[in-house]
Amino acid sequence: MAMDPRVLRTKRDYHNAMIELLKTVPLEQMTVKQLCDKAGISRTTFYEHYSVPQDCFYEVVDEYLEELKMRLEALPVKDMHYCMLEYLKLMKEHRYVFREVHRTTVNNPVFMDIAKLLLHYIALPKLGDDLPEGEFEKILKYQFYGFFGLTSEWLERGCKETPEQQVHVLDTMMDLLLS
């Protein structure tokens, strides 16, 4: 069943407000009032759709993850370099949202979703399907925490290097880990 266009418009307004606020307000400090004021929509309406600003944030992140999946699926060659490059391009385009994703890894439910999505394309082809039970998950976490740390630092520095420059650093790191 298709969602009511009014609901879609309201959610889009909240998503846009969330994205704008993240430029100046960390998610953990964001209030419902700030979000509603920025969106120009009442708090009553907000609570019809969300409980807390984080709920809206996760919807925004989910949209970007869907975009990332489409980008990765469209790649003619699905190797580590091009997959990381697509993720970095998306991160740079939406750096305020992804900066927040990277700041909240401990309690962030999308952290492992991003890891699994990327490493499905990056690590699994190199490691193969014949790993012992539980080994892929351990390798995935080990690799992704390093990847996540380097990309977090890049975001905090304001994405000064191009995605191509940053992916070169990540390529080197991943080659060392996978060799």
C-alpha atoms as a PDB file:
ATOM      1  CA  MET A   1       0.000   0.000   0.000  1.00  0.00           C
ATOM      2  CA  ALA A   2       1.402   3.385  -1.012  1.00  0.00           C
ATOM      3  CA  MET A   3       2.032   5.946   1.688  1.00  0.00           C
ATOM      4  CA  ASP A   4      -0.231   8.996   1.774  1.00  0.00           C
ATOM      5  CA  PRO A   5       1.466  11.861  -0.160  1.00  0.00           C
ATOM      6  CA  ARG A   6       0.873  14.193   2.794  1.00  0.00           C
ATOM      7  CA  VAL A   7       2.759  11.832   5.099  1.00  0.00           C
ATOM      8  CA  LEU A   8       5.574  11.572   2.554  1.00  0.00           C
ATOM      9  CA  ARG A   9       5.755  15.373   2.318  1.00  0.00           C
ATOM     10  CA  THR A  10       5.757  15.737   6.114  1.00  0.00           C
ATOM     11  CA  LYS A  11       8.520  13.142   6.519  1.00  0.00           C
ATOM     12  CA  ARG A  12      10.525  14.791   3.735  1.00  0.00           C
ATOM     13  CA  ASP A  13      10.223  18.133   5.550  1.00  0.00           C
ATOM     14  CA  TYR A  14      11.463  16.525   8.776  1.00  0.00           C
ATOM     15  CA  HIS A  15      14.298  14.790   6.923  1.00  0.00           C
ATOM     16  CA  ASN A  16      15.393  18.068   5.325  1.00  0.00           C
ATOM     17  CA  ALA A  17      15.207  19.819   8.693  1.00  0.00           C
ATOM     18  CA  MET A  18      17.272  17.036  10.261  1.00  0.00           C
ATOM     19  CA  ILE A  19      19.946  17.345   7.582  1.00  0.00           C
ATOM     20  CA  GLU A  20      20.118  21.132   7.996  1.00  0.00           C
ATOM     21  CA  LEU A  21      20.271  20.975  11.801  1.00  0.00           C
ATOM     22  CA  LEU A  22      23.075  18.402  11.738  1.00  0.00           C
ATOM     23  CA  LYS A  23      25.300  21.072  10.210  1.00  0.00           C
ATOM     24  CA  THR A  24      25.275  22.909  13.545  1.00  0.00           C
ATOM     25  CA  VAL A  25      23.704  20.658  16.199  1.00  0.00           C
ATOM     26  CA  PRO A  26      24.933  17.166  17.159  1.00  0.00           C
ATOM     27  CA  LEU A  27      22.161  14.564  17.129  1.00  0.00           C
ATOM     28  CA  GLU A  28      22.515  13.897  20.861  1.00  0.00           C
ATOM     29  CA  GLN A  29      21.803  17.587  21.562  1.00  0.00           C
ATOM     30  CA  MET A  30      19.002  18.005  19.038  1.00  0.00           C
ATOM     31  CA  THR A  31      15.540  18.610  20.458  1.00  0.00           C
ATOM     32  CA  VAL A  32      12.114  17.888  19.038  1.00  0.00           C
ATOM     33  CA  LYS A  33      11.373  21.616  19.240  1.00  0.00           C
ATOM     34  CA  GLN A  34      14.421  22.492  17.130  1.00  0.00           C
ATOM     35  CA  LEU A  35      13.477  19.895  14.536  1.00  0.00           C
ATOM     36  CA  CYS A  36       9.845  21.034  14.404  1.00  0.00           C
ATOM     37  CA  ASP A  37      10.793  24.714  14.215  1.00  0.00           C
ATOM     38  CA  LYS A  38      13.214  24.034  11.356  1.00  0.00           C
ATOM     39  CA  ALA A  39      10.636  21.899   9.511  1.00  0.00           C
ATOM     40  CA  GLY A  40       7.822  24.366  10.214  1.00  0.00           C
ATOM     41  CA  ILE A  41       5.628  21.539  11.511  1.00  0.00           C
ATOM     42  CA  SER A  42       4.019  21.085  14.921  1.00  0.00           C
ATOM     43  CA  ARG A  43       5.319  18.815  17.660  1.00  0.00           C
ATOM     44  CA  THR A  44       1.972  17.005  17.639  1.00  0.00           C
ATOM     45  CA  THR A  45       2.604  16.027  14.039  1.00  0.00           C
ATOM     46  CA  PHE A  46       6.165  15.013  14.907  1.00  0.00           C
ATOM     47  CA  TYR A  47       4.915  12.594  17.570  1.00  0.00           C
ATOM     48  CA  GLU A  48       2.493  11.045  15.075  1.00  0.00           C
ATOM     49  CA  HIS A  49       5.539   9.819  13.155  1.00  0.00           C
ATOM     50  CA  TYR A  50       8.447   9.646  15.616  1.00  0.00           C
ATOM     51  CA  SER A  51       9.247   9.309  19.300  1.00  0.00           C
ATOM     52  CA  VAL A  52      12.622  11.079  19.313  1.00  0.00           C
ATOM     53  CA  PRO A  53      14.800  12.906  16.752  1.00  0.00           C
ATOM     54  CA  GLN A  54      16.952   9.768  16.418  1.00  0.00           C
ATOM     55  CA  ASP A  55      14.002   7.983  14.769  1.00  0.00           C
ATOM     56  CA  CYS A  56      13.969  10.612  12.019  1.00  0.00           C
ATOM     57  CA  PHE A  57      17.774  10.424  11.759  1.00  0.00           C
ATOM     58  CA  TYR A  58      17.686   6.665  11.195  1.00  0.00           C
ATOM     59  CA  GLU A  59      15.135   7.110   8.402  1.00  0.00           C
ATOM     60  CA  VAL A  60      17.487   9.572   6.711  1.00  0.00           C
ATOM     61  CA  VAL A  61      20.398   7.140   7.091  1.00  0.00           C
ATOM     62  CA  ASP A  62      18.271   4.289   5.735  1.00  0.00           C
ATOM     63  CA  GLU A  63      17.574   6.351   2.611  1.00  0.00           C
ATOM     64  CA  TYR A  64      21.295   6.908   2.107  1.00  0.00           C
ATOM     65  CA  LEU A  65      22.015   3.210   2.647  1.00  0.00           C
ATOM     66  CA  GLU A  66      19.463   2.366  -0.036  1.00  0.00           C
ATOM     67  CA  GLU A  67      21.202   4.840  -2.328  1.00  0.00           C
ATOM     68  CA  LEU A  68      24.539   3.183  -1.504  1.00  0.00           C
ATOM     69  CA  LYS A  69      23.123  -0.269  -2.296  1.00  0.00           C
ATOM     70  CA  MET A  70      21.940   0.993  -5.679  1.00  0.00           C
ATOM     71  CA  ARG A  71      25.321   2.557  -6.394  1.00  0.00           C
ATOM     72  CA  LEU A  72      27.154  -0.633  -5.428  1.00  0.00           C
ATOM     73  CA  GLU A  73      24.827  -2.813  -7.488  1.00  0.00           C
ATOM     74  CA  ALA A  74      25.358  -0.537 -10.499  1.00  0.00           C
ATOM     75  CA  LEU A  75      29.145  -0.882 -10.387  1.00  0.00           C
ATOM     76  CA  PRO A  76      30.441  -2.806 -13.391  1.00  0.00           C
ATOM     77  CA  VAL A  77      33.314  -4.128 -11.265  1.00  0.00           C
ATOM     78  CA  LYS A  78      32.517  -4.866  -7.633  1.00  0.00           C
ATOM     79  CA  ASP A  79      35.928  -4.692  -6.040  1.00  0.00           C
ATOM     80  CA  MET A  80      37.210  -3.096  -2.877  1.00  0.00           C
ATOM     81  CA  HIS A  81      38.488   0.093  -4.488  1.00  0.00           C
ATOM     82  CA  TYR A  82      35.299   1.019  -6.317  1.00  0.00           C
ATOM     83  CA  CYS A  83      33.005   0.028  -3.445  1.00  0.00           C
ATOM     84  CA  MET A  84      34.927   2.167  -0.963  1.00  0.00           C
ATOM     85  CA  LEU A  85      35.069   5.011  -3.465  1.00  0.00           C
ATOM     86  CA  GLU A  86      31.265   4.975  -3.837  1.00  0.00           C
ATOM     87  CA  TYR A  87      30.835   5.000  -0.063  1.00  0.00           C
ATOM     88  CA  LEU A  88      33.284   7.889   0.307  1.00  0.00           C
ATOM     89  CA  LYS A  89      31.532   9.885  -2.427  1.00  0.00           C
ATOM     90  CA  LEU A  90      28.195   9.363  -0.687  1.00  0.00           C
ATOM     91  CA  MET A  91      29.759  10.304   2.656  1.00  0.00           C
ATOM     92  CA  LYS A  92      31.179  13.509   1.235  1.00  0.00           C
ATOM     93  CA  GLU A  93      27.860  14.443  -0.401  1.00  0.00           C
ATOM     94  CA  HIS A  94      26.059  13.949   2.928  1.00  0.00           C
ATOM     95  CA  ARG A  95      28.943  14.522   5.317  1.00  0.00           C
ATOM     96  CA  TYR A  96      26.937  16.016   8.167  1.00  0.00           C
ATOM     97  CA  VAL A  97      24.709  12.953   8.364  1.00  0.00           C
ATOM     98  CA  PHE A  98      27.587  10.502   8.029  1.00  0.00           C
ATOM     99  CA  ARG A  99      29.684  12.449  10.531  1.00  0.00           C
ATOM    100  CA  GLU A 100      26.895  11.781  13.007  1.00  0.00           C
ATOM    101  CA  VAL A 101      26.739   8.096  12.039  1.00  0.00           C
ATOM    102  CA  HIS A 102      30.456   7.877  12.724  1.00  0.00           C
ATOM    103  CA  ARG A 103      30.172   9.730  16.043  1.00  0.00           C
ATOM    104  CA  THR A 104      27.535   7.384  17.399  1.00  0.00           C
ATOM    105  CA  THR A 105      28.920   3.969  16.498  1.00  0.00           C
ATOM    106  CA  VAL A 106      28.564   2.456  19.975  1.00  0.00           C
ATOM    107  CA  ASN A 107      24.796   2.849  20.192  1.00  0.00           C
ATOM    108  CA  ASN A 108      24.072   3.170  16.495  1.00  0.00           C
ATOM    109  CA  PRO A 109      21.946   0.364  15.046  1.00  0.00           C
ATOM    110  CA  VAL A 110      23.038   1.152  11.477  1.00  0.00           C
ATOM    111  CA  PHE A 111      26.754   0.654  12.193  1.00  0.00           C
ATOM    112  CA  MET A 112      26.816  -3.081  11.469  1.00  0.00           C
ATOM    113  CA  ASP A 113      24.346  -2.639   8.587  1.00  0.00           C
ATOM    114  CA  ILE A 114      26.877  -0.377   6.867  1.00  0.00           C
ATOM    115  CA  ALA A 115      29.697  -2.791   7.709  1.00  0.00           C
ATOM    116  CA  LYS A 116      27.862  -5.797   6.304  1.00  0.00           C
ATOM    117  CA  LEU A 117      26.773  -3.956   3.186  1.00  0.00           C
ATOM    118  CA  LEU A 118      30.249  -2.695   2.334  1.00  0.00           C
ATOM    119  CA  LEU A 119      32.152  -5.784   3.316  1.00  0.00           C
ATOM    120  CA  HIS A 120      29.759  -8.001   1.400  1.00  0.00           C
ATOM    121  CA  TYR A 121      31.244  -6.335  -1.673  1.00  0.00           C
ATOM    122  CA  ILE A 122      34.741  -5.709  -0.323  1.00  0.00           C
ATOM    123  CA  ALA A 123      35.917  -8.598   1.846  1.00  0.00           C
ATOM    124  CA  LEU A 124      33.798 -11.604   0.962  1.00  0.00           C
ATOM    125  CA  PRO A 125      35.066 -11.858  -2.627  1.00  0.00           C
ATOM    126  CA  LYS A 126      38.663 -11.885  -1.370  1.00  0.00           C
ATOM    127  CA  LEU A 127      38.068 -14.147   1.635  1.00  0.00           C
ATOM    128  CA  GLY A 128      35.731 -16.626  -0.013  1.00  0.00           C
ATOM    129  CA  ASP A 129      32.704 -18.478   1.327  1.00  0.00           C
ATOM    130  CA  ASP A 130      34.610 -21.324   2.980  1.00  0.00           C
ATOM    131  CA  LEU A 131      35.535 -19.612   6.244  1.00  0.00           C
ATOM    132  CA  PRO A 132      34.951 -21.492   9.509  1.00  0.00           C
ATOM    133  CA  GLU A 133      31.775 -20.687  11.465  1.00  0.00           C
ATOM    134  CA  GLY A 134      31.946 -17.187  12.955  1.00  0.00           C
ATOM    135  CA  GLU A 135      35.245 -16.232  11.312  1.00  0.00           C
ATOM    136  CA  PHE A 136      33.752 -13.919   8.696  1.00  0.00           C
ATOM    137  CA  GLU A 137      31.989 -11.889  11.407  1.00  0.00           C
ATOM    138  CA  LYS A 138      35.257 -11.464  13.349  1.00  0.00           C
ATOM    139  CA  ILE A 139      37.222 -10.471  10.250  1.00  0.00           C
ATOM    140  CA  LEU A 140      34.432  -8.127   9.207  1.00  0.00           C
ATOM    141  CA  LYS A 141      34.491  -6.314  12.549  1.00  0.00           C
ATOM    142  CA  TYR A 142      38.280  -6.084  12.619  1.00  0.00           C
ATOM    143  CA  GLN A 143      38.479  -4.623   9.126  1.00  0.00           C
ATOM    144  CA  PHE A 144      35.520  -2.356   9.452  1.00  0.00           C
ATOM    145  CA  TYR A 145      36.609  -0.738  12.717  1.00  0.00           C
ATOM    146  CA  GLY A 146      39.854   0.321  11.010  1.00  0.00           C
ATOM    147  CA  PHE A 147      37.990   1.509   7.929  1.00  0.00           C
ATOM    148  CA  PHE A 148      35.444   3.303  10.099  1.00  0.00           C
ATOM    149  CA  GLY A 149      38.175   4.987  12.144  1.00  0.00           C
ATOM    150  CA  LEU A 150      39.968   6.352   9.090  1.00  0.00           C
ATOM    151  CA  THR A 151      36.759   7.561   7.449  1.00  0.00           C
ATOM    152  CA  SER A 152      35.596   9.143  10.732  1.00  0.00           C
ATOM    153  CA  GLU A 153      38.815  11.111  10.905  1.00  0.00           C
ATOM    154  CA  TRP A 154      38.348  12.186   7.283  1.00  0.00           C
ATOM    155  CA  LEU A 155      34.816  13.406   8.064  1.00  0.00           C
ATOM    156  CA  GLU A 156      35.947  15.286  11.174  1.00  0.00           C
ATOM    157  CA  ARG A 157      38.625  17.053   9.105  1.00  0.00           C
ATOM    158  CA  GLY A 158      35.872  18.224   6.730  1.00  0.00           C
ATOM    159  CA  CYS A 159      36.601  15.785   3.865  1.00  0.00           C
ATOM    160  CA  LYS A 160      39.591  17.875   2.792  1.00  0.00           C
ATOM    161  CA  GLU A 161      41.032  15.097   0.653  1.00  0.00           C
ATOM    162  CA  THR A 162      39.051  13.962  -2.341  1.00  0.00           C
ATOM    163  CA  PRO A 163      37.281  10.597  -2.145  1.00  0.00           C
ATOM    164  CA  GLU A 164      39.878   9.331  -4.622  1.00  0.00           C
ATOM    165  CA  GLN A 165      42.761  10.390  -2.353  1.00  0.00           C
ATOM    166  CA  GLN A 166      41.089   8.893   0.701  1.00  0.00           C
ATOM    167  CA  VAL A 167      40.308   5.611  -1.047  1.00  0.00           C
ATOM    168  CA  HIS A 168      43.997   5.268  -1.908  1.00  0.00           C
ATOM    169  CA  VAL A 169      44.808   5.303   1.828  1.00  0.00           C
ATOM    170  CA  LEU A 170      42.005   2.819   2.491  1.00  0.00           C
ATOM    171  CA  ASP A 171      43.119   0.570  -0.379  1.00  0.00           C
ATOM    172  CA  THR A 172      46.570   0.380   1.167  1.00  0.00           C
ATOM    173  CA  MET A 173      45.130  -0.421   4.581  1.00  0.00           C
ATOM    174  CA  MET A 174      42.754  -3.090   3.276  1.00  0.00           C
ATOM    175  CA  ASP A 175      45.468  -4.690   1.124  1.00  0.00           C
ATOM    176  CA  LEU A 176      47.655  -5.003   4.217  1.00  0.00           C
ATOM    177  CA  LEU A 177      44.815  -6.534   6.228  1.00  0.00           C
ATOM    178  CA  LEU A 178      43.751  -8.977   3.527  1.00  0.00           C
ATOM    179  CA  SER A 179      47.245 -10.140   2.592  1.00  0.00           C
END
